[in-house]
């Protein structure tokens, strides 16, 4: 199996090099702009022709790449993880943005969660989930520290912890930056782990019926997916999505990051919710709907939904997976999002990074 995986990765790296993405396994400094013509395009999408929403294509990685999560650096660059290979890339946040190879995690199949604890100190979840069979290798999940402070001159990568009880480690978020405490969802087991990134110690912090699998779950079912900590009236809550149950829920947290009471539903009836983020005012949830091929905005108070991009009948944003706001003054109101692209499907459009500028200016009607 290991020989097969290494051969597969070798072929993938050759493909990327042929597309103009120079990938060096031993060095993290090689990079060129992509020659893919799709990377320079912009498209408009809207549920109302009178109010078109501008959507910009930042970078397309091509048909052989499936993207998963993303994180945004303080300097604005976007870090993306591949879902069909254990590779991290950096993308320049502009139309036709160039890319830089960051790191290849040997002995793994994929990258899921990415979070930043302190400036340029990122933590990444890797695992062995097959996108062909959708079966994960039990106990192979791990978290790595990726020090980007000297990138692109060099990048330092070190293992933080193995998760021997894991199935599919997925979404990550920070609970306490000073103490180095982060949450990691396990999408097959249905729990949220809390990890001290400085000591490597971890335990289950949240195990609730709303985070769990349904009774009729199969070996390929995915439940809790994305996680985010939100503080409301001096109380911290963990917001989470449950893919198979079609909901976003939340649970109150104690001072050590463990559940304080039962979780509650924020909104349900969603079509395979993936990653999401709340705006700073706590009014809206911006969410990727995987099966609906959509990016939506949810008014938390009214539950009203505004489609910002895509539709179930279109493959333009096939299998939307993750969203994140920009961090620079000029793009802090811009929503970046990634799509899987429909990997291995007949209508595959390729893993791609998009941007919706000025989302707060988009009306609800």
Protein backbone atom coordinates (compact mmCIF):
# COMPACT_ATOMS: atom_id res chain seq x y z
CA UNK A 1 0.00 0.00 0.00
CA UNK A 2 2.80 2.43 0.91
CA UNK A 3 4.52 1.80 -2.44
CA UNK A 4 1.25 2.50 -4.25
CA UNK A 5 0.74 5.75 -2.35
CA UNK A 6 4.28 6.95 -3.10
CA UNK A 7 3.80 6.17 -6.79
CA UNK A 8 0.50 8.03 -6.78
CA UNK A 9 2.06 11.08 -5.12
CA UNK A 10 4.97 10.99 -7.55
CA UNK A 11 2.55 11.02 -10.49
CA UNK A 12 0.59 13.86 -8.92
CA UNK A 13 3.70 15.95 -8.38
CA UNK A 14 4.74 15.37 -11.98
CA UNK A 15 1.28 16.52 -13.09
CA UNK A 16 1.55 19.69 -11.03
CA UNK A 17 4.98 20.45 -12.42
CA UNK A 18 3.62 20.01 -15.93
CA UNK A 19 0.89 22.56 -15.22
CA UNK A 20 3.42 25.19 -14.24
CA UNK A 21 3.33 24.51 -10.50
CA UNK A 22 6.92 23.62 -9.72
CA UNK A 23 6.85 21.29 -6.74
CA UNK A 24 10.02 20.41 -4.86
CA UNK A 25 9.63 17.66 -2.26
CA UNK A 26 12.94 18.50 -0.61
CA UNK A 27 12.52 22.26 -0.83
CA UNK A 28 9.59 24.52 -0.09
CA UNK A 29 10.86 27.47 -2.10
CA UNK A 30 9.95 26.57 -5.68
CA UNK A 31 6.92 28.28 -7.21
CA UNK A 32 5.60 29.82 -10.42
CA UNK A 33 2.30 31.28 -11.55
CA UNK A 34 -0.18 28.77 -12.90
CA UNK A 35 -0.68 28.65 -16.66
CA UNK A 36 -4.25 27.42 -16.26
CA UNK A 37 -6.49 29.82 -18.22
CA UNK A 38 -9.31 29.32 -15.71
CA UNK A 39 -7.24 31.10 -13.08
CA UNK A 40 -7.69 34.48 -14.75
CA UNK A 41 -11.45 34.41 -15.11
CA UNK A 42 -14.22 36.20 -13.24
CA UNK A 43 -17.83 35.14 -13.20
CA UNK A 44 -21.06 36.58 -11.86
CA UNK A 45 -23.61 34.53 -9.98
CA UNK A 46 -26.88 35.59 -8.42
CA UNK A 47 -30.36 34.40 -7.65
CA UNK A 48 -31.53 37.75 -9.00
CA UNK A 49 -30.45 39.03 -12.41
CA UNK A 50 -31.03 42.61 -11.25
CA UNK A 51 -28.48 42.24 -8.44
CA UNK A 52 -25.59 40.16 -9.83
CA UNK A 53 -22.93 39.07 -7.35
CA UNK A 54 -19.34 39.33 -8.52
CA UNK A 55 -17.33 36.16 -7.96
CA UNK A 56 -13.64 36.14 -8.83
CA UNK A 57 -11.56 33.07 -9.63
CA UNK A 58 -8.36 33.41 -7.63
CA UNK A 59 -6.71 30.16 -8.69
CA UNK A 60 -7.70 26.85 -10.28
CA UNK A 61 -5.47 23.87 -9.50
CA UNK A 62 -6.86 21.76 -12.35
CA UNK A 63 -9.00 18.65 -12.69
CA UNK A 64 -6.65 16.29 -10.82
CA UNK A 65 -6.73 18.29 -7.59
CA UNK A 66 -9.39 18.26 -4.87
CA UNK A 67 -9.19 21.12 -2.37
CA UNK A 68 -10.43 21.05 1.20
CA UNK A 69 -9.82 23.63 3.87
CA UNK A 70 -8.19 27.05 3.75
CA UNK A 71 -6.66 29.57 6.13
CA UNK A 72 -5.66 33.18 5.54
CA UNK A 73 -2.33 34.60 6.73
CA UNK A 74 -2.07 38.04 8.39
CA UNK A 75 -0.33 39.23 5.22
CA UNK A 76 -3.28 38.09 3.09
CA UNK A 77 -1.98 34.96 1.38
CA UNK A 78 -4.26 31.92 1.39
CA UNK A 79 -3.08 28.52 2.61
CA UNK A 80 -4.94 25.58 1.07
CA UNK A 81 -4.75 21.85 1.71
CA UNK A 82 -5.31 19.16 -0.91
CA UNK A 83 -7.96 16.54 -0.20
CA UNK A 84 -6.52 13.92 -2.53
CA UNK A 85 -2.86 14.36 -1.55
CA UNK A 86 -1.05 15.48 1.64
CA UNK A 87 0.13 18.78 0.18
CA UNK A 88 -0.04 22.39 1.38
CA UNK A 89 0.10 25.36 -0.99
CA UNK A 90 0.04 29.13 -0.62
CA UNK A 91 -2.04 31.19 -3.04
CA UNK A 92 -1.62 34.91 -3.75
CA UNK A 93 -5.06 36.48 -3.06
CA UNK A 94 -5.66 38.15 -6.40
CA UNK A 95 -7.18 37.14 -9.72
CA UNK A 96 -4.70 34.88 -11.52
CA UNK A 97 -2.82 34.58 -8.23
CA UNK A 98 0.49 32.76 -8.21
CA UNK A 99 1.15 29.78 -5.94
CA UNK A 100 3.97 28.55 -3.73
CA UNK A 101 4.48 24.98 -2.60
CA UNK A 102 4.71 24.73 1.20
CA UNK A 103 5.05 21.10 2.23
CA UNK A 104 4.38 17.44 1.40
CA UNK A 105 3.38 15.25 4.37
CA UNK A 106 4.77 11.82 3.55
CA UNK A 107 2.86 8.67 4.60
CA UNK A 108 -0.55 10.37 4.54
CA UNK A 109 -3.35 10.70 1.98
CA UNK A 110 -4.92 14.09 2.72
CA UNK A 111 -5.08 17.37 4.63
CA UNK A 112 -8.25 18.59 6.33
CA UNK A 113 -8.25 21.16 9.13
CA UNK A 114 -5.92 24.18 9.25
CA UNK A 115 -5.78 26.77 12.03
CA UNK A 116 -3.40 29.50 13.23
CA UNK A 117 -2.64 29.75 16.96
CA UNK A 118 -0.14 32.61 16.86
CA UNK A 119 1.11 34.72 13.96
CA UNK A 120 2.32 32.40 11.19
CA UNK A 121 2.18 29.38 13.52
CA UNK A 122 -0.23 27.03 11.79
CA UNK A 123 -1.47 23.60 12.80
CA UNK A 124 -2.63 21.09 10.22
CA UNK A 125 -4.64 17.87 10.39
CA UNK A 126 -3.45 15.02 8.17
CA UNK A 127 -4.97 11.58 7.68
CA UNK A 128 -5.53 8.59 5.45
CA UNK A 129 -9.04 8.98 4.02
CA UNK A 130 -9.44 7.60 0.51
CA UNK A 131 -11.50 9.79 -1.82
CA UNK A 132 -12.15 6.70 -3.94
CA UNK A 133 -13.63 4.42 -1.25
CA UNK A 134 -14.41 7.12 1.37
CA UNK A 135 -12.96 4.73 3.94
CA UNK A 136 -10.40 6.03 6.45
CA UNK A 137 -7.55 4.09 8.05
CA UNK A 138 -8.37 4.03 11.80
CA UNK A 139 -5.85 5.64 14.14
CA UNK A 140 -3.80 7.34 11.42
CA UNK A 141 -4.84 10.93 12.13
CA UNK A 142 -2.17 13.37 13.28
CA UNK A 143 -1.57 17.08 13.83
CA UNK A 144 1.54 18.90 12.61
CA UNK A 145 2.95 22.33 13.41
CA UNK A 146 3.83 24.38 10.32
CA UNK A 147 6.01 27.42 11.09
CA UNK A 148 5.49 29.92 8.26
CA UNK A 149 7.40 32.82 9.87
CA UNK A 150 10.39 32.48 7.50
CA UNK A 151 8.45 31.32 4.44
CA UNK A 152 9.28 31.12 1.53
CA UNK A 153 12.97 30.94 2.49
CA UNK A 154 12.20 27.97 4.71
CA UNK A 155 9.34 26.26 6.50
CA UNK A 156 9.67 24.18 9.65
CA UNK A 157 7.28 21.25 10.11
CA UNK A 158 7.03 19.08 13.22
CA UNK A 159 4.55 16.50 14.47
CA UNK A 160 2.54 17.59 17.51
CA UNK A 161 0.40 14.54 18.24
CA UNK A 162 -0.93 11.24 16.94
CA UNK A 163 -4.62 10.43 17.40
CA UNK A 164 -4.69 6.66 17.74
CA UNK A 165 -8.46 6.60 18.36
CA UNK A 166 -9.32 8.78 15.36
CA UNK A 167 -11.15 8.01 12.13
CA UNK A 168 -11.48 11.27 10.13
CA UNK A 169 -9.93 14.28 11.85
CA UNK A 170 -11.41 17.32 10.16
CA UNK A 171 -12.28 20.89 11.17
CA UNK A 172 -10.00 22.83 13.54
CA UNK A 173 -10.35 26.04 15.51
CA UNK A 174 -8.64 27.80 18.42
CA UNK A 175 -10.14 27.80 21.92
CA UNK A 176 -7.31 29.54 23.83
CA UNK A 177 -4.30 31.02 22.02
CA UNK A 178 -2.22 31.65 25.13
CA UNK A 179 -2.62 28.10 26.41
CA UNK A 180 -2.32 26.64 22.91
CA UNK A 181 -5.66 24.85 23.05
CA UNK A 182 -7.35 23.91 19.78
CA UNK A 183 -10.42 21.88 18.84
CA UNK A 184 -10.37 19.10 16.26
CA UNK A 185 -13.57 17.47 15.02
CA UNK A 186 -13.64 13.77 14.19
CA UNK A 187 -16.19 13.45 11.39
CA UNK A 188 -16.61 9.69 11.61
CA UNK A 189 -16.54 9.19 15.39
CA UNK A 190 -18.73 12.27 16.00
CA UNK A 191 -16.76 13.98 18.76
CA UNK A 192 -14.65 17.11 19.24
CA UNK A 193 -11.16 16.67 20.66
CA UNK A 194 -9.25 19.38 22.51
CA UNK A 195 -5.48 19.43 21.94
CA UNK A 196 -2.70 21.32 23.70
CA UNK A 197 -0.37 22.06 20.79
CA UNK A 198 2.55 22.71 23.16
CA UNK A 199 2.37 19.41 25.05
CA UNK A 200 0.62 17.14 22.56
CA UNK A 201 -1.91 16.06 25.17
CA UNK A 202 -5.49 15.68 23.97
CA UNK A 203 -8.87 14.37 25.08
CA UNK A 204 -12.51 14.35 24.01
CA UNK A 205 -14.10 17.67 24.98
CA UNK A 206 -17.53 17.36 23.35
CA UNK A 207 -19.58 14.24 22.65
CA UNK A 208 -23.21 15.16 22.00
CA UNK A 209 -26.12 13.70 20.06
CA UNK A 210 -25.94 16.73 17.74
CA UNK A 211 -22.26 16.08 16.96
CA UNK A 212 -22.71 12.30 16.62
CA UNK A 213 -23.65 10.07 13.73
CA UNK A 214 -27.35 9.18 13.26
CA UNK A 215 -28.45 5.63 14.18
CA UNK A 216 -28.48 4.58 10.51
CA UNK A 217 -24.91 5.75 9.82
CA UNK A 218 -22.73 3.77 7.42
CA UNK A 219 -18.96 3.28 7.24
CA UNK A 220 -18.75 6.25 4.88
CA UNK A 221 -21.03 8.65 6.78
CA UNK A 222 -19.60 11.98 7.91
CA UNK A 223 -21.13 13.87 10.84
CA UNK A 224 -19.52 16.83 12.65
CA UNK A 225 -17.43 18.79 10.18
CA UNK A 226 -16.51 22.42 10.83
CA UNK A 227 -15.99 24.02 14.26
CA UNK A 228 -15.68 27.67 15.36
CA UNK A 229 -15.50 29.35 18.76
CA UNK A 230 -17.72 32.41 19.24
CA UNK A 231 -17.95 34.59 22.36
CA UNK A 232 -21.40 36.00 23.17
CA UNK A 233 -22.03 38.05 26.32
CA UNK A 234 -18.79 36.81 27.90
CA UNK A 235 -19.72 33.17 27.29
CA UNK A 236 -17.84 31.05 24.78
CA UNK A 237 -19.73 28.73 22.46
CA UNK A 238 -18.49 26.14 20.01
CA UNK A 239 -20.50 26.37 16.79
CA UNK A 240 -20.36 23.28 14.58
CA UNK A 241 -21.83 21.81 11.41
CA UNK A 242 -23.09 18.24 11.12
CA UNK A 243 -22.83 17.05 7.52
CA UNK A 244 -25.15 14.05 7.59
CA UNK A 245 -27.73 15.61 9.96
CA UNK A 246 -27.86 18.82 7.92
CA UNK A 247 -27.54 21.26 10.79
CA UNK A 248 -25.46 23.89 12.52
CA UNK A 249 -25.47 23.64 16.29
CA UNK A 250 -23.70 25.17 19.25
CA UNK A 251 -22.69 24.22 22.78
CA UNK A 252 -21.60 26.39 25.71
CA UNK A 253 -18.02 25.90 26.93
CA UNK A 254 -16.43 25.96 30.37
CA UNK A 255 -13.11 27.67 31.12
CA UNK A 256 -11.12 24.59 30.10
CA UNK A 257 -12.92 24.10 26.80
CA UNK A 258 -15.26 21.27 27.74
CA UNK A 259 -19.00 21.17 27.06
CA UNK A 260 -21.17 22.97 29.60
CA UNK A 261 -24.55 21.36 29.09
CA UNK A 262 -26.18 19.91 25.99
CA UNK A 263 -25.78 21.29 22.48
CA UNK A 264 -28.63 23.10 20.73
CA UNK A 265 -29.63 23.54 17.08
CA UNK A 266 -28.96 26.93 15.50
CA UNK A 267 -30.45 25.98 12.13
CA UNK A 268 -31.28 22.68 10.44
CA UNK A 269 -32.67 21.44 7.14
CA UNK A 270 -29.39 22.17 5.35
CA UNK A 271 -28.05 20.15 2.42
CA UNK A 272 -24.71 18.67 3.54
CA UNK A 273 -23.23 21.66 5.41
CA UNK A 274 -19.45 21.83 5.30
CA UNK A 275 -17.23 24.63 6.58
CA UNK A 276 -18.67 27.94 7.75
CA UNK A 277 -17.72 31.21 9.43
CA UNK A 278 -19.62 33.88 11.35
CA UNK A 279 -19.22 37.58 10.65
CA UNK A 280 -17.75 39.80 13.38
CA UNK A 281 -21.16 41.14 14.36
CA UNK A 282 -22.53 37.64 14.87
CA UNK A 283 -25.46 38.35 12.56
CA UNK A 284 -24.67 36.05 9.65
CA UNK A 285 -23.27 32.59 9.05
CA UNK A 286 -21.47 32.10 5.74
CA UNK A 287 -21.62 28.44 4.80
CA UNK A 288 -20.46 26.04 2.08
CA UNK A 289 -23.13 23.50 1.07
CA UNK A 290 -21.31 20.50 -0.39
CA UNK A 291 -24.08 18.64 -2.23
CA UNK A 292 -25.94 21.80 -3.27
CA UNK A 293 -22.78 23.31 -4.83
CA UNK A 294 -23.58 26.57 -3.06
CA UNK A 295 -22.16 29.27 -0.82
CA UNK A 296 -24.96 30.72 1.29
CA UNK A 297 -25.49 33.38 3.94
CA UNK A 298 -27.80 32.65 6.88
CA UNK A 299 -29.38 35.36 9.00
CA UNK A 300 -29.07 33.81 12.46
CA UNK A 301 -32.05 35.69 13.90
CA UNK A 302 -34.55 35.08 11.09
CA UNK A 303 -33.05 31.88 9.56
CA UNK A 304 -33.40 33.55 6.13
CA UNK A 305 -30.98 32.17 3.54
CA UNK A 306 -29.32 34.12 0.73
CA UNK A 307 -27.53 32.15 -2.01
CA UNK A 308 -24.29 33.94 -2.87
CA UNK A 309 -22.86 31.46 -5.37
CA UNK A 310 -23.84 28.30 -7.19
CA UNK A 311 -26.88 26.04 -7.45
CA UNK A 312 -27.64 22.30 -7.33
CA UNK A 313 -28.08 22.33 -11.12
CA UNK A 314 -24.69 23.90 -11.87
CA UNK A 315 -21.19 22.45 -11.56
CA UNK A 316 -19.43 25.84 -11.59
CA UNK A 317 -18.89 25.59 -7.83
CA UNK A 318 -19.08 21.81 -7.63
CA UNK A 319 -18.87 20.49 -4.07
CA UNK A 320 -18.21 23.69 -2.13
CA UNK A 321 -16.13 22.96 0.96
CA UNK A 322 -14.68 25.91 2.90
CA UNK A 323 -15.00 29.67 3.50
CA UNK A 324 -12.86 32.33 5.17
CA UNK A 325 -12.66 36.12 5.36
CA UNK A 326 -9.65 38.11 4.20
CA UNK A 327 -7.45 39.65 6.90
CA UNK A 328 -6.02 42.77 5.26
CA UNK A 329 -7.76 46.12 5.53
CA UNK A 330 -8.63 46.03 1.83
CA UNK A 331 -10.14 42.53 1.82
CA UNK A 332 -11.46 41.97 5.35
CA UNK A 333 -15.01 42.09 3.94
CA UNK A 334 -14.17 39.68 1.11
CA UNK A 335 -15.19 36.03 1.40
CA UNK A 336 -12.75 33.47 0.02
CA UNK A 337 -13.99 29.95 -0.63
CA UNK A 338 -12.74 26.64 -1.99
CA UNK A 339 -14.43 23.88 -3.94
CA UNK A 340 -13.53 20.21 -4.19
CA UNK A 341 -14.48 20.51 -7.86
CA UNK A 342 -16.26 17.16 -8.07
CA UNK A 343 -13.13 15.02 -7.92
CA UNK A 344 -13.52 11.82 -9.99
CA UNK A 345 -17.00 12.89 -11.14
CA UNK A 346 -17.91 13.27 -14.87
CA UNK A 347 -18.59 17.00 -14.39
CA UNK A 348 -15.39 17.65 -12.42
CA UNK A 349 -14.29 21.30 -12.69
CA UNK A 350 -11.16 21.04 -10.52
CA UNK A 351 -10.20 22.30 -7.09
CA UNK A 352 -10.43 26.09 -7.14
CA UNK A 353 -10.15 29.13 -4.86
CA UNK A 354 -12.74 31.91 -5.37
CA UNK A 355 -13.50 35.30 -3.84
CA UNK A 356 -16.74 37.22 -3.30
CA UNK A 357 -15.82 40.89 -2.69
CA UNK A 358 -17.62 43.06 -0.12
CA UNK A 359 -20.12 40.47 1.09
CA UNK A 360 -21.61 42.77 3.73
CA UNK A 361 -22.80 45.07 0.94
CA UNK A 362 -24.85 42.29 -0.66
CA UNK A 363 -28.56 42.83 0.15
CA UNK A 364 -30.68 40.08 1.69
CA UNK A 365 -33.31 40.26 -1.05
